[in-house]
N, C-alpha and C. Protein backbone atom coordinates (compact mmCIF):
# COMPACT_ATOMS: atom_id res chain seq x y z
N MET A 1 -9.08 8.71 -5.81
CA MET A 1 -9.56 7.97 -4.65
C MET A 1 -8.65 8.23 -3.46
N LYS A 2 -9.24 8.40 -2.30
CA LYS A 2 -8.46 8.69 -1.10
C LYS A 2 -7.68 7.47 -0.66
N ASN A 3 -6.42 7.67 -0.29
CA ASN A 3 -5.59 6.58 0.23
C ASN A 3 -6.22 6.04 1.50
N ASN A 4 -6.47 4.72 1.54
CA ASN A 4 -7.11 4.12 2.71
C ASN A 4 -6.35 4.38 3.99
N ASN A 5 -5.01 4.46 3.87
CA ASN A 5 -4.21 4.72 5.07
C ASN A 5 -4.57 6.06 5.70
N LYS A 6 -4.99 7.01 4.87
CA LYS A 6 -5.34 8.34 5.37
C LYS A 6 -6.63 8.30 6.21
N ASN A 7 -7.38 7.17 6.11
CA ASN A 7 -8.59 7.04 6.91
C ASN A 7 -8.27 6.63 8.34
N LYS A 8 -7.05 6.29 8.60
CA LYS A 8 -6.65 5.92 9.96
C LYS A 8 -6.84 7.11 10.90
N GLN A 9 -7.32 6.81 12.09
CA GLN A 9 -7.50 7.85 13.09
C GLN A 9 -6.54 7.62 14.25
N PHE A 10 -5.93 8.71 14.70
CA PHE A 10 -4.95 8.64 15.77
C PHE A 10 -5.41 9.46 16.97
N ALA A 11 -5.11 8.95 18.16
CA ALA A 11 -5.30 9.73 19.38
C ALA A 11 -3.96 9.82 20.08
N VAL A 12 -3.62 11.01 20.54
CA VAL A 12 -2.35 11.23 21.25
C VAL A 12 -2.68 11.72 22.65
N ILE A 13 -2.23 10.97 23.64
CA ILE A 13 -2.49 11.32 25.05
C ILE A 13 -1.21 11.83 25.68
N GLY A 14 -1.24 13.06 26.16
CA GLY A 14 -0.04 13.69 26.73
C GLY A 14 0.56 14.64 25.72
N LEU A 15 0.50 15.94 26.02
CA LEU A 15 0.92 16.94 25.05
C LEU A 15 2.16 17.71 25.50
N GLY A 16 3.15 16.95 25.95
CA GLY A 16 4.46 17.55 26.16
C GLY A 16 5.13 17.72 24.80
N ARG A 17 6.44 17.89 24.78
CA ARG A 17 7.13 18.11 23.51
C ARG A 17 6.98 16.94 22.55
N PHE A 18 7.13 15.71 23.08
CA PHE A 18 7.03 14.53 22.23
C PHE A 18 5.61 14.35 21.71
N GLY A 19 4.63 14.38 22.61
CA GLY A 19 3.24 14.19 22.20
C GLY A 19 2.76 15.25 21.22
N THR A 20 3.13 16.50 21.48
CA THR A 20 2.75 17.60 20.59
C THR A 20 3.36 17.42 19.21
N SER A 21 4.63 17.01 19.17
CA SER A 21 5.31 16.80 17.90
C SER A 21 4.64 15.68 17.10
N VAL A 22 4.31 14.58 17.76
CA VAL A 22 3.64 13.46 17.08
C VAL A 22 2.27 13.89 16.57
N ALA A 23 1.50 14.55 17.42
CA ALA A 23 0.13 14.94 17.04
C ALA A 23 0.11 15.91 15.87
N THR A 24 0.94 16.95 15.94
CA THR A 24 0.93 17.96 14.87
C THR A 24 1.50 17.40 13.56
N THR A 25 2.47 16.53 13.66
CA THR A 25 3.04 15.92 12.45
C THR A 25 2.02 15.02 11.76
N LEU A 26 1.32 14.20 12.52
CA LEU A 26 0.30 13.33 11.94
C LEU A 26 -0.80 14.17 11.27
N PHE A 27 -1.18 15.26 11.92
CA PHE A 27 -2.21 16.14 11.36
C PHE A 27 -1.73 16.77 10.04
N LYS A 28 -0.48 17.21 10.02
CA LYS A 28 0.08 17.80 8.80
C LYS A 28 0.14 16.78 7.66
N LEU A 29 0.29 15.51 8.02
CA LEU A 29 0.33 14.44 7.02
C LEU A 29 -1.06 14.06 6.52
N GLY A 30 -2.09 14.70 7.07
CA GLY A 30 -3.43 14.50 6.57
C GLY A 30 -4.30 13.54 7.35
N TYR A 31 -3.87 13.19 8.56
CA TYR A 31 -4.64 12.25 9.37
C TYR A 31 -5.55 12.97 10.37
N ASP A 32 -6.60 12.25 10.77
CA ASP A 32 -7.51 12.73 11.80
C ASP A 32 -6.85 12.48 13.16
N VAL A 33 -6.65 13.53 13.95
CA VAL A 33 -5.92 13.40 15.21
C VAL A 33 -6.71 13.99 16.37
N LEU A 34 -6.90 13.17 17.39
CA LEU A 34 -7.47 13.64 18.65
C LEU A 34 -6.33 13.80 19.64
N ALA A 35 -6.16 15.00 20.17
CA ALA A 35 -5.10 15.28 21.14
C ALA A 35 -5.74 15.45 22.53
N ILE A 36 -5.14 14.80 23.54
CA ILE A 36 -5.72 14.80 24.88
C ILE A 36 -4.65 15.12 25.92
N ASP A 37 -5.01 15.95 26.87
CA ASP A 37 -4.10 16.22 27.99
C ASP A 37 -4.94 16.65 29.20
N VAL A 38 -4.42 16.37 30.39
CA VAL A 38 -5.12 16.75 31.61
C VAL A 38 -4.96 18.23 31.91
N ASN A 39 -3.93 18.84 31.28
CA ASN A 39 -3.60 20.24 31.53
C ASN A 39 -4.27 21.16 30.50
N GLU A 40 -5.08 22.09 30.98
CA GLU A 40 -5.82 22.98 30.09
C GLU A 40 -4.90 23.84 29.23
N GLU A 41 -3.79 24.29 29.81
CA GLU A 41 -2.85 25.15 29.07
C GLU A 41 -2.27 24.40 27.88
N GLN A 42 -1.89 23.13 28.09
CA GLN A 42 -1.34 22.33 26.98
C GLN A 42 -2.38 22.13 25.89
N VAL A 43 -3.61 21.94 26.30
CA VAL A 43 -4.71 21.75 25.35
C VAL A 43 -4.90 23.00 24.48
N GLN A 44 -4.86 24.16 25.11
CA GLN A 44 -5.05 25.41 24.38
C GLN A 44 -3.94 25.65 23.36
N LYS A 45 -2.72 25.27 23.72
CA LYS A 45 -1.56 25.50 22.84
C LYS A 45 -1.71 24.79 21.50
N ILE A 46 -2.34 23.62 21.51
CA ILE A 46 -2.38 22.78 20.31
C ILE A 46 -3.72 22.84 19.59
N SER A 47 -4.63 23.64 20.10
CA SER A 47 -6.01 23.63 19.60
C SER A 47 -6.15 23.93 18.11
N GLU A 48 -5.21 24.69 17.55
CA GLU A 48 -5.31 25.07 16.14
C GLU A 48 -4.56 24.14 15.20
N THR A 49 -3.86 23.14 15.75
CA THR A 49 -2.97 22.34 14.90
C THR A 49 -3.29 20.86 14.88
N VAL A 50 -4.47 20.47 15.38
CA VAL A 50 -4.94 19.08 15.28
C VAL A 50 -6.43 19.09 14.95
N THR A 51 -6.99 17.92 14.69
CA THR A 51 -8.41 17.84 14.33
C THR A 51 -9.31 18.16 15.52
N HIS A 52 -9.05 17.47 16.64
CA HIS A 52 -9.82 17.67 17.86
C HIS A 52 -8.85 17.71 19.04
N VAL A 53 -9.19 18.48 20.05
CA VAL A 53 -8.36 18.50 21.26
C VAL A 53 -9.29 18.54 22.47
N VAL A 54 -8.95 17.75 23.50
CA VAL A 54 -9.82 17.61 24.66
C VAL A 54 -8.99 17.60 25.94
N GLN A 55 -9.51 18.27 26.97
CA GLN A 55 -8.91 18.18 28.29
C GLN A 55 -9.60 17.04 29.03
N ALA A 56 -8.82 16.04 29.46
CA ALA A 56 -9.43 14.89 30.14
C ALA A 56 -8.38 14.14 30.94
N ASP A 57 -8.86 13.45 31.96
CA ASP A 57 -8.01 12.59 32.79
C ASP A 57 -8.12 11.17 32.23
N THR A 58 -7.07 10.71 31.54
CA THR A 58 -7.15 9.40 30.88
C THR A 58 -6.86 8.23 31.83
N THR A 59 -6.65 8.53 33.12
CA THR A 59 -6.53 7.43 34.08
C THR A 59 -7.92 7.04 34.59
N ASP A 60 -8.93 7.71 34.08
CA ASP A 60 -10.32 7.41 34.45
C ASP A 60 -10.98 6.70 33.27
N GLU A 61 -11.42 5.48 33.49
CA GLU A 61 -11.98 4.67 32.42
C GLU A 61 -13.21 5.31 31.78
N ASN A 62 -14.05 5.92 32.59
CA ASN A 62 -15.26 6.55 32.06
C ASN A 62 -14.92 7.72 31.13
N SER A 63 -13.85 8.44 31.47
CA SER A 63 -13.43 9.56 30.60
C SER A 63 -13.00 9.04 29.24
N LEU A 64 -12.25 7.94 29.24
CA LEU A 64 -11.79 7.36 27.98
C LEU A 64 -12.98 6.89 27.14
N LYS A 65 -13.94 6.26 27.80
CA LYS A 65 -15.12 5.79 27.06
C LYS A 65 -15.90 6.97 26.47
N ALA A 66 -16.01 8.04 27.26
CA ALA A 66 -16.76 9.23 26.80
C ALA A 66 -16.10 9.87 25.59
N LEU A 67 -14.79 9.74 25.49
CA LEU A 67 -14.05 10.30 24.36
C LEU A 67 -14.23 9.48 23.08
N GLY A 68 -14.81 8.29 23.22
CA GLY A 68 -14.95 7.42 22.06
C GLY A 68 -13.61 6.87 21.61
N ILE A 69 -12.74 6.62 22.59
CA ILE A 69 -11.36 6.23 22.27
C ILE A 69 -11.31 4.92 21.49
N ARG A 70 -12.34 4.08 21.63
CA ARG A 70 -12.36 2.80 20.91
C ARG A 70 -12.44 2.98 19.40
N ASN A 71 -12.85 4.16 18.96
CA ASN A 71 -12.99 4.42 17.52
C ASN A 71 -11.66 4.71 16.84
N TYR A 72 -10.61 4.88 17.61
CA TYR A 72 -9.32 5.26 17.04
C TYR A 72 -8.46 4.02 16.76
N ASP A 73 -7.80 4.06 15.61
CA ASP A 73 -7.00 2.91 15.17
C ASP A 73 -5.71 2.78 15.96
N VAL A 74 -5.10 3.91 16.26
CA VAL A 74 -3.82 3.93 16.99
C VAL A 74 -3.91 4.96 18.10
N VAL A 75 -3.52 4.57 19.30
CA VAL A 75 -3.46 5.53 20.41
C VAL A 75 -2.02 5.60 20.90
N ILE A 76 -1.48 6.81 20.95
CA ILE A 76 -0.11 7.04 21.42
C ILE A 76 -0.16 7.60 22.83
N VAL A 77 0.40 6.87 23.77
CA VAL A 77 0.47 7.34 25.16
C VAL A 77 1.80 8.06 25.34
N ALA A 78 1.74 9.39 25.30
CA ALA A 78 2.97 10.20 25.35
C ALA A 78 3.16 10.88 26.70
N VAL A 79 2.39 10.43 27.70
CA VAL A 79 2.55 10.98 29.05
C VAL A 79 3.97 10.64 29.52
N GLY A 80 4.73 11.67 29.94
CA GLY A 80 6.12 11.41 30.28
C GLY A 80 6.48 11.60 31.74
N SER A 81 6.02 12.67 32.35
CA SER A 81 6.47 13.01 33.69
C SER A 81 5.83 12.16 34.79
N ASP A 82 4.66 11.61 34.52
CA ASP A 82 3.93 10.83 35.52
C ASP A 82 3.86 9.37 35.06
N ILE A 83 4.79 8.55 35.57
CA ILE A 83 4.85 7.15 35.14
C ILE A 83 3.58 6.40 35.52
N GLN A 84 3.04 6.70 36.69
CA GLN A 84 1.83 6.02 37.13
C GLN A 84 0.67 6.28 36.16
N ALA A 85 0.51 7.53 35.75
CA ALA A 85 -0.54 7.88 34.80
C ALA A 85 -0.29 7.23 33.44
N ASN A 86 0.97 7.19 33.05
CA ASN A 86 1.37 6.57 31.78
C ASN A 86 0.98 5.09 31.77
N VAL A 87 1.34 4.38 32.83
CA VAL A 87 1.07 2.94 32.91
C VAL A 87 -0.42 2.66 33.03
N LEU A 88 -1.10 3.39 33.89
CA LEU A 88 -2.53 3.17 34.09
C LEU A 88 -3.32 3.45 32.82
N THR A 89 -2.96 4.52 32.12
CA THR A 89 -3.63 4.84 30.86
C THR A 89 -3.45 3.71 29.85
N THR A 90 -2.22 3.22 29.74
CA THR A 90 -1.92 2.12 28.81
C THR A 90 -2.74 0.88 29.16
N LEU A 91 -2.81 0.56 30.44
CA LEU A 91 -3.56 -0.61 30.90
C LEU A 91 -5.05 -0.47 30.57
N LEU A 92 -5.61 0.70 30.82
CA LEU A 92 -7.03 0.94 30.53
C LEU A 92 -7.32 0.83 29.03
N LEU A 93 -6.42 1.37 28.23
CA LEU A 93 -6.58 1.31 26.78
C LEU A 93 -6.59 -0.15 26.30
N LYS A 94 -5.70 -0.95 26.88
CA LYS A 94 -5.64 -2.37 26.52
C LYS A 94 -6.94 -3.06 26.90
N GLU A 95 -7.45 -2.77 28.08
CA GLU A 95 -8.70 -3.39 28.54
C GLU A 95 -9.90 -2.96 27.70
N LEU A 96 -9.80 -1.76 27.13
CA LEU A 96 -10.89 -1.26 26.28
C LEU A 96 -10.83 -1.81 24.86
N GLY A 97 -9.76 -2.54 24.56
CA GLY A 97 -9.65 -3.19 23.26
C GLY A 97 -9.11 -2.33 22.14
N ILE A 98 -8.30 -1.34 22.48
CA ILE A 98 -7.69 -0.49 21.44
C ILE A 98 -6.84 -1.36 20.51
N LYS A 99 -6.96 -1.11 19.21
CA LYS A 99 -6.30 -1.96 18.21
C LYS A 99 -4.77 -1.93 18.32
N TYR A 100 -4.22 -0.73 18.48
CA TYR A 100 -2.75 -0.60 18.48
C TYR A 100 -2.35 0.52 19.43
N ILE A 101 -1.53 0.17 20.42
CA ILE A 101 -1.11 1.14 21.43
C ILE A 101 0.40 1.37 21.35
N VAL A 102 0.79 2.62 21.20
CA VAL A 102 2.20 3.01 21.24
C VAL A 102 2.40 3.78 22.54
N ALA A 103 3.36 3.34 23.35
CA ALA A 103 3.56 3.99 24.65
C ALA A 103 4.99 4.49 24.81
N LYS A 104 5.11 5.68 25.35
CA LYS A 104 6.42 6.28 25.59
C LYS A 104 6.97 5.80 26.92
N ALA A 105 8.23 5.37 26.92
CA ALA A 105 8.90 4.95 28.15
C ALA A 105 10.10 5.85 28.42
N ILE A 106 10.41 6.02 29.71
CA ILE A 106 11.55 6.88 30.05
C ILE A 106 12.81 6.07 30.35
N ASN A 107 12.65 4.76 30.58
CA ASN A 107 13.82 3.90 30.80
C ASN A 107 13.44 2.45 30.48
N GLU A 108 14.42 1.55 30.54
CA GLU A 108 14.20 0.16 30.16
C GLU A 108 13.18 -0.54 31.05
N LEU A 109 13.25 -0.30 32.35
CA LEU A 109 12.32 -0.94 33.28
C LEU A 109 10.89 -0.51 32.99
N HIS A 110 10.72 0.78 32.79
CA HIS A 110 9.41 1.32 32.44
C HIS A 110 8.91 0.69 31.14
N GLY A 111 9.80 0.56 30.17
CA GLY A 111 9.45 -0.04 28.88
C GLY A 111 9.00 -1.49 29.02
N LYS A 112 9.71 -2.25 29.85
CA LYS A 112 9.34 -3.65 30.07
C LYS A 112 7.95 -3.75 30.70
N MET A 113 7.67 -2.84 31.62
CA MET A 113 6.37 -2.82 32.28
C MET A 113 5.26 -2.55 31.26
N LEU A 114 5.49 -1.57 30.37
CA LEU A 114 4.50 -1.23 29.36
C LEU A 114 4.26 -2.40 28.40
N ALA A 115 5.33 -3.09 28.04
CA ALA A 115 5.20 -4.24 27.15
C ALA A 115 4.41 -5.36 27.83
N LYS A 116 4.66 -5.56 29.10
CA LYS A 116 3.98 -6.61 29.87
C LYS A 116 2.48 -6.38 29.94
N ILE A 117 2.07 -5.12 30.04
CA ILE A 117 0.64 -4.85 30.21
C ILE A 117 -0.07 -4.66 28.87
N GLY A 118 0.67 -4.81 27.76
CA GLY A 118 -0.01 -4.87 26.47
C GLY A 118 0.29 -3.81 25.44
N ALA A 119 1.25 -2.90 25.70
CA ALA A 119 1.60 -1.92 24.66
C ALA A 119 2.14 -2.67 23.43
N ASP A 120 1.63 -2.32 22.26
CA ASP A 120 2.07 -2.99 21.03
C ASP A 120 3.46 -2.51 20.61
N ARG A 121 3.75 -1.28 20.95
CA ARG A 121 5.08 -0.73 20.64
C ARG A 121 5.49 0.22 21.75
N VAL A 122 6.73 0.09 22.20
CA VAL A 122 7.27 0.98 23.23
C VAL A 122 8.36 1.82 22.59
N VAL A 123 8.29 3.14 22.79
CA VAL A 123 9.29 4.04 22.22
C VAL A 123 10.04 4.77 23.33
N TYR A 124 11.28 5.12 23.04
CA TYR A 124 12.15 5.81 24.01
C TYR A 124 12.67 7.09 23.36
N PRO A 125 11.87 8.14 23.29
CA PRO A 125 12.27 9.35 22.56
C PRO A 125 13.58 9.97 23.06
N GLU A 126 13.73 10.10 24.38
CA GLU A 126 14.94 10.73 24.92
C GLU A 126 16.17 9.89 24.62
N ARG A 127 16.07 8.58 24.85
CA ARG A 127 17.21 7.71 24.60
C ARG A 127 17.59 7.71 23.13
N ASP A 128 16.58 7.58 22.25
CA ASP A 128 16.87 7.52 20.82
C ASP A 128 17.46 8.82 20.31
N MET A 129 16.96 9.95 20.81
CA MET A 129 17.53 11.23 20.39
C MET A 129 18.97 11.35 20.87
N GLY A 130 19.24 10.88 22.09
CA GLY A 130 20.60 10.90 22.61
C GLY A 130 21.55 10.07 21.75
N LEU A 131 21.07 8.90 21.32
CA LEU A 131 21.90 8.04 20.46
C LEU A 131 22.20 8.73 19.14
N ARG A 132 21.18 9.37 18.56
CA ARG A 132 21.39 10.04 17.26
C ARG A 132 22.38 11.18 17.38
N VAL A 133 22.22 11.98 18.43
CA VAL A 133 23.13 13.11 18.62
C VAL A 133 24.55 12.62 18.85
N ALA A 134 24.71 11.60 19.69
CA ALA A 134 26.04 11.08 19.99
C ALA A 134 26.72 10.55 18.74
N HIS A 135 25.99 9.77 17.94
CA HIS A 135 26.58 9.22 16.73
C HIS A 135 26.91 10.31 15.72
N SER A 136 26.08 11.34 15.64
CA SER A 136 26.37 12.44 14.70
C SER A 136 27.58 13.25 15.15
N LEU A 137 27.83 13.28 16.45
CA LEU A 137 28.97 14.04 16.98
C LEU A 137 30.29 13.32 16.73
N VAL A 138 30.27 11.98 16.85
CA VAL A 138 31.53 11.24 16.70
C VAL A 138 31.81 10.88 15.25
N SER A 139 30.81 10.95 14.39
CA SER A 139 31.03 10.62 12.99
C SER A 139 30.23 11.57 12.11
N THR A 140 30.93 12.27 11.22
CA THR A 140 30.26 13.21 10.32
C THR A 140 29.47 12.48 9.24
N ASN A 141 29.69 11.15 9.11
CA ASN A 141 28.98 10.38 8.09
C ASN A 141 27.55 10.04 8.49
N VAL A 142 27.28 9.95 9.80
CA VAL A 142 25.99 9.47 10.28
C VAL A 142 24.94 10.57 10.24
N LEU A 143 23.85 10.32 9.49
CA LEU A 143 22.77 11.29 9.38
C LEU A 143 21.60 10.92 10.28
N GLU A 144 21.37 9.63 10.43
CA GLU A 144 20.25 9.14 11.24
C GLU A 144 20.65 7.81 11.86
N TYR A 145 20.20 7.59 13.08
CA TYR A 145 20.59 6.36 13.78
C TYR A 145 19.46 5.95 14.71
N ILE A 146 18.99 4.71 14.57
CA ILE A 146 17.94 4.18 15.44
C ILE A 146 18.36 2.80 15.91
N GLU A 147 18.41 2.63 17.21
CA GLU A 147 18.76 1.33 17.79
C GLU A 147 17.48 0.54 17.99
N LEU A 148 17.34 -0.58 17.26
CA LEU A 148 16.16 -1.42 17.38
C LEU A 148 16.26 -2.36 18.58
N SER A 149 17.48 -2.77 18.88
CA SER A 149 17.78 -3.60 20.04
C SER A 149 19.26 -3.39 20.33
N PRO A 150 19.78 -3.95 21.44
CA PRO A 150 21.21 -3.76 21.72
C PRO A 150 22.13 -4.22 20.59
N ASP A 151 21.68 -5.19 19.78
CA ASP A 151 22.53 -5.74 18.72
C ASP A 151 22.14 -5.32 17.31
N LEU A 152 20.95 -4.74 17.16
CA LEU A 152 20.45 -4.45 15.83
C LEU A 152 20.09 -2.97 15.69
N SER A 153 20.56 -2.34 14.61
CA SER A 153 20.31 -0.91 14.42
C SER A 153 20.01 -0.60 12.95
N VAL A 154 19.43 0.56 12.75
CA VAL A 154 19.20 1.11 11.40
C VAL A 154 19.96 2.43 11.35
N ALA A 155 20.64 2.69 10.25
CA ALA A 155 21.38 3.95 10.14
C ALA A 155 21.36 4.47 8.71
N GLU A 156 21.38 5.79 8.60
CA GLU A 156 21.61 6.46 7.31
C GLU A 156 23.01 7.04 7.37
N ILE A 157 23.87 6.61 6.47
CA ILE A 157 25.26 7.02 6.49
C ILE A 157 25.68 7.52 5.11
N THR A 158 26.31 8.68 5.08
CA THR A 158 26.89 9.15 3.83
C THR A 158 28.01 8.19 3.44
N ALA A 159 27.97 7.71 2.21
CA ALA A 159 28.92 6.69 1.78
C ALA A 159 30.37 7.13 2.02
N PRO A 160 31.15 6.36 2.79
CA PRO A 160 32.56 6.68 3.00
C PRO A 160 33.31 6.68 1.66
N LYS A 161 34.31 7.55 1.55
CA LYS A 161 35.06 7.68 0.29
C LYS A 161 35.64 6.36 -0.17
N ILE A 162 36.03 5.51 0.79
CA ILE A 162 36.69 4.26 0.45
C ILE A 162 35.76 3.30 -0.31
N LEU A 163 34.43 3.54 -0.19
CA LEU A 163 33.46 2.67 -0.88
C LEU A 163 33.05 3.22 -2.24
N VAL A 164 33.30 4.50 -2.47
CA VAL A 164 32.88 5.15 -3.72
C VAL A 164 33.58 4.51 -4.91
N GLY A 165 32.78 4.21 -5.96
CA GLY A 165 33.32 3.59 -7.16
C GLY A 165 33.24 2.08 -7.15
N HIS A 166 32.88 1.51 -6.00
CA HIS A 166 32.74 0.06 -5.89
C HIS A 166 31.26 -0.32 -5.89
N SER A 167 30.96 -1.50 -6.43
CA SER A 167 29.58 -1.98 -6.40
C SER A 167 29.28 -2.51 -5.00
N LEU A 168 27.99 -2.66 -4.72
CA LEU A 168 27.61 -3.20 -3.42
C LEU A 168 28.20 -4.60 -3.21
N ALA A 169 28.20 -5.38 -4.28
CA ALA A 169 28.78 -6.72 -4.18
C ALA A 169 30.26 -6.65 -3.82
N GLU A 170 30.96 -5.68 -4.43
CA GLU A 170 32.40 -5.55 -4.17
C GLU A 170 32.70 -5.08 -2.75
N THR A 171 31.81 -4.27 -2.18
CA THR A 171 32.06 -3.79 -0.82
C THR A 171 31.92 -4.90 0.21
N ASN A 172 31.10 -5.91 -0.12
CA ASN A 172 30.96 -7.09 0.74
C ASN A 172 30.58 -6.71 2.18
N LEU A 173 29.70 -5.72 2.31
CA LEU A 173 29.35 -5.23 3.65
C LEU A 173 28.65 -6.29 4.50
N ARG A 174 27.94 -7.18 3.83
CA ARG A 174 27.22 -8.21 4.60
C ARG A 174 28.18 -9.14 5.32
N VAL A 175 29.26 -9.50 4.65
CA VAL A 175 30.23 -10.41 5.26
C VAL A 175 31.16 -9.67 6.22
N LYS A 176 31.65 -8.51 5.79
CA LYS A 176 32.63 -7.76 6.59
C LYS A 176 32.04 -7.16 7.86
N TYR A 177 30.81 -6.63 7.73
CA TYR A 177 30.24 -5.86 8.85
C TYR A 177 28.86 -6.36 9.32
N GLU A 178 28.38 -7.44 8.68
CA GLU A 178 27.04 -7.97 9.00
C GLU A 178 25.96 -6.90 8.81
N LEU A 179 26.08 -6.19 7.66
CA LEU A 179 25.15 -5.12 7.34
C LEU A 179 24.50 -5.36 5.98
N ASN A 180 23.23 -5.01 5.88
CA ASN A 180 22.52 -5.07 4.61
C ASN A 180 22.16 -3.66 4.17
N VAL A 181 22.48 -3.33 2.93
CA VAL A 181 22.09 -2.03 2.36
C VAL A 181 20.69 -2.21 1.78
N VAL A 182 19.70 -1.65 2.45
CA VAL A 182 18.31 -1.84 2.01
C VAL A 182 17.87 -0.78 1.01
N ALA A 183 18.61 0.33 0.96
CA ALA A 183 18.27 1.39 0.01
C ALA A 183 19.45 2.33 -0.15
N ILE A 184 19.49 3.02 -1.29
CA ILE A 184 20.47 4.08 -1.53
C ILE A 184 19.71 5.34 -1.93
N LYS A 185 19.98 6.44 -1.21
CA LYS A 185 19.42 7.73 -1.59
C LYS A 185 20.46 8.44 -2.45
N ARG A 186 20.04 8.84 -3.66
CA ARG A 186 20.95 9.55 -4.57
C ARG A 186 20.22 10.77 -5.10
N ASN A 187 20.53 11.92 -4.52
CA ASN A 187 19.80 13.15 -4.83
C ASN A 187 18.31 12.92 -4.54
N GLU A 188 17.47 13.02 -5.57
CA GLU A 188 16.03 12.84 -5.37
C GLU A 188 15.58 11.40 -5.63
N VAL A 189 16.52 10.53 -5.99
CA VAL A 189 16.19 9.15 -6.34
C VAL A 189 16.44 8.23 -5.16
N LEU A 190 15.50 7.29 -4.94
CA LEU A 190 15.67 6.28 -3.89
C LEU A 190 15.68 4.91 -4.55
N LEU A 191 16.79 4.21 -4.45
CA LEU A 191 16.92 2.88 -5.03
C LEU A 191 16.56 1.84 -3.97
N VAL A 192 15.41 1.17 -4.14
CA VAL A 192 14.92 0.18 -3.18
C VAL A 192 14.38 -1.05 -3.92
N PRO A 193 15.00 -2.21 -3.74
CA PRO A 193 16.32 -2.40 -3.14
C PRO A 193 17.38 -2.12 -4.20
N PRO A 194 18.56 -1.71 -3.83
CA PRO A 194 19.60 -1.44 -4.82
C PRO A 194 20.17 -2.75 -5.37
N PRO A 195 20.39 -2.84 -6.67
CA PRO A 195 20.98 -4.06 -7.24
C PRO A 195 22.41 -4.25 -6.76
N SER A 196 22.84 -5.49 -6.70
CA SER A 196 24.18 -5.80 -6.16
C SER A 196 25.30 -5.22 -7.02
N ASP A 197 25.02 -4.96 -8.32
CA ASP A 197 26.06 -4.41 -9.19
C ASP A 197 26.03 -2.88 -9.24
N GLU A 198 25.16 -2.27 -8.42
CA GLU A 198 25.07 -0.81 -8.38
C GLU A 198 26.32 -0.22 -7.76
N LYS A 199 26.98 0.68 -8.51
CA LYS A 199 28.20 1.29 -8.00
C LYS A 199 27.85 2.49 -7.10
N ILE A 200 28.52 2.56 -5.98
CA ILE A 200 28.29 3.64 -5.02
C ILE A 200 28.95 4.91 -5.55
N LYS A 201 28.23 6.02 -5.50
CA LYS A 201 28.74 7.30 -5.98
C LYS A 201 28.97 8.26 -4.81
N ALA A 202 29.82 9.24 -5.03
CA ALA A 202 30.09 10.25 -4.01
C ALA A 202 28.79 10.96 -3.66
N GLY A 203 28.51 11.11 -2.39
CA GLY A 203 27.30 11.78 -1.94
C GLY A 203 26.13 10.85 -1.73
N ASP A 204 26.27 9.58 -2.12
CA ASP A 204 25.20 8.61 -1.87
C ASP A 204 24.97 8.45 -0.37
N ILE A 205 23.72 8.24 -0.01
CA ILE A 205 23.38 7.94 1.39
C ILE A 205 22.94 6.48 1.45
N LEU A 206 23.64 5.71 2.25
CA LEU A 206 23.32 4.29 2.40
C LEU A 206 22.38 4.10 3.59
N ILE A 207 21.30 3.40 3.36
CA ILE A 207 20.39 3.06 4.46
C ILE A 207 20.66 1.61 4.82
N LEU A 208 21.16 1.43 6.04
CA LEU A 208 21.67 0.13 6.46
C LEU A 208 20.87 -0.46 7.61
N VAL A 209 20.74 -1.77 7.60
CA VAL A 209 20.16 -2.50 8.72
C VAL A 209 21.12 -3.62 9.07
N GLY A 210 21.42 -3.75 10.35
CA GLY A 210 22.32 -4.85 10.73
C GLY A 210 22.91 -4.69 12.11
N GLN A 211 24.01 -5.37 12.33
CA GLN A 211 24.65 -5.41 13.63
C GLN A 211 25.14 -4.02 14.05
N THR A 212 24.83 -3.64 15.26
CA THR A 212 25.24 -2.33 15.79
C THR A 212 26.76 -2.17 15.71
N LYS A 213 27.49 -3.23 16.03
CA LYS A 213 28.96 -3.15 16.00
C LYS A 213 29.46 -2.94 14.57
N GLY A 214 28.73 -3.48 13.59
CA GLY A 214 29.12 -3.28 12.20
C GLY A 214 28.93 -1.85 11.76
N ILE A 215 27.82 -1.24 12.18
CA ILE A 215 27.59 0.17 11.88
C ILE A 215 28.66 1.05 12.52
N GLN A 216 29.04 0.70 13.74
CA GLN A 216 30.08 1.45 14.43
C GLN A 216 31.42 1.38 13.68
N LYS A 217 31.74 0.21 13.13
CA LYS A 217 32.98 0.06 12.36
C LYS A 217 32.91 0.86 11.07
N LEU A 218 31.73 0.85 10.43
CA LEU A 218 31.58 1.58 9.17
C LEU A 218 31.69 3.08 9.40
N GLU A 219 31.25 3.55 10.56
CA GLU A 219 31.35 4.98 10.90
C GLU A 219 32.80 5.45 10.89
N GLU A 220 33.71 4.53 11.20
CA GLU A 220 35.13 4.89 11.32
C GLU A 220 35.83 5.00 9.98
N LEU A 221 35.19 4.49 8.91
CA LEU A 221 35.81 4.56 7.60
C LEU A 221 35.76 5.99 7.07
N GLU A 222 36.70 6.34 6.24
CA GLU A 222 36.73 7.67 5.64
C GLU A 222 36.57 7.57 4.13
């Protein structure tokens, strides 16, 4: 039986680097993807790697209706260079009753505006990539880093040597660093959730959720 989640349909508006990456990745994962851009050249580039691709001006309500955009479960607004088009497209999608809208923002003010007009989720690709690169440069332990808010982050960190051989309970990360270990990656095995008596082994990857300052302190351990 087909996984019901695979029946989800996605539309991606704006085919710059971010939009193209999202659209092609979703398609590779087996989803139905409609890719849209106002630029014919961008449309041609992606024509072989998504389900459907259309050249259209999404700041025009009639164009959106003609595309059958209401039939899509999730619409990603990945327009980056033109903030006005980004905001107007998001607003029109909200008015058309789209179930779930993900909108790309280039800064905090832009993000607040998108949230105000109804985006269900606002993403900051450039900022988040910058954070990941910066954290990977200052700490060889950090594999992945996502800031959920100024105080809350998610990180994948190679277990520091000082924690190896100790159980999660013994490390007391929740009290010391205000961090919760939600999973441990060990080779091909993923322990979710890991038991408190599970001993950390060399090479383990800890998936942590918690205070940003706590993750920063853990990065400094060797």
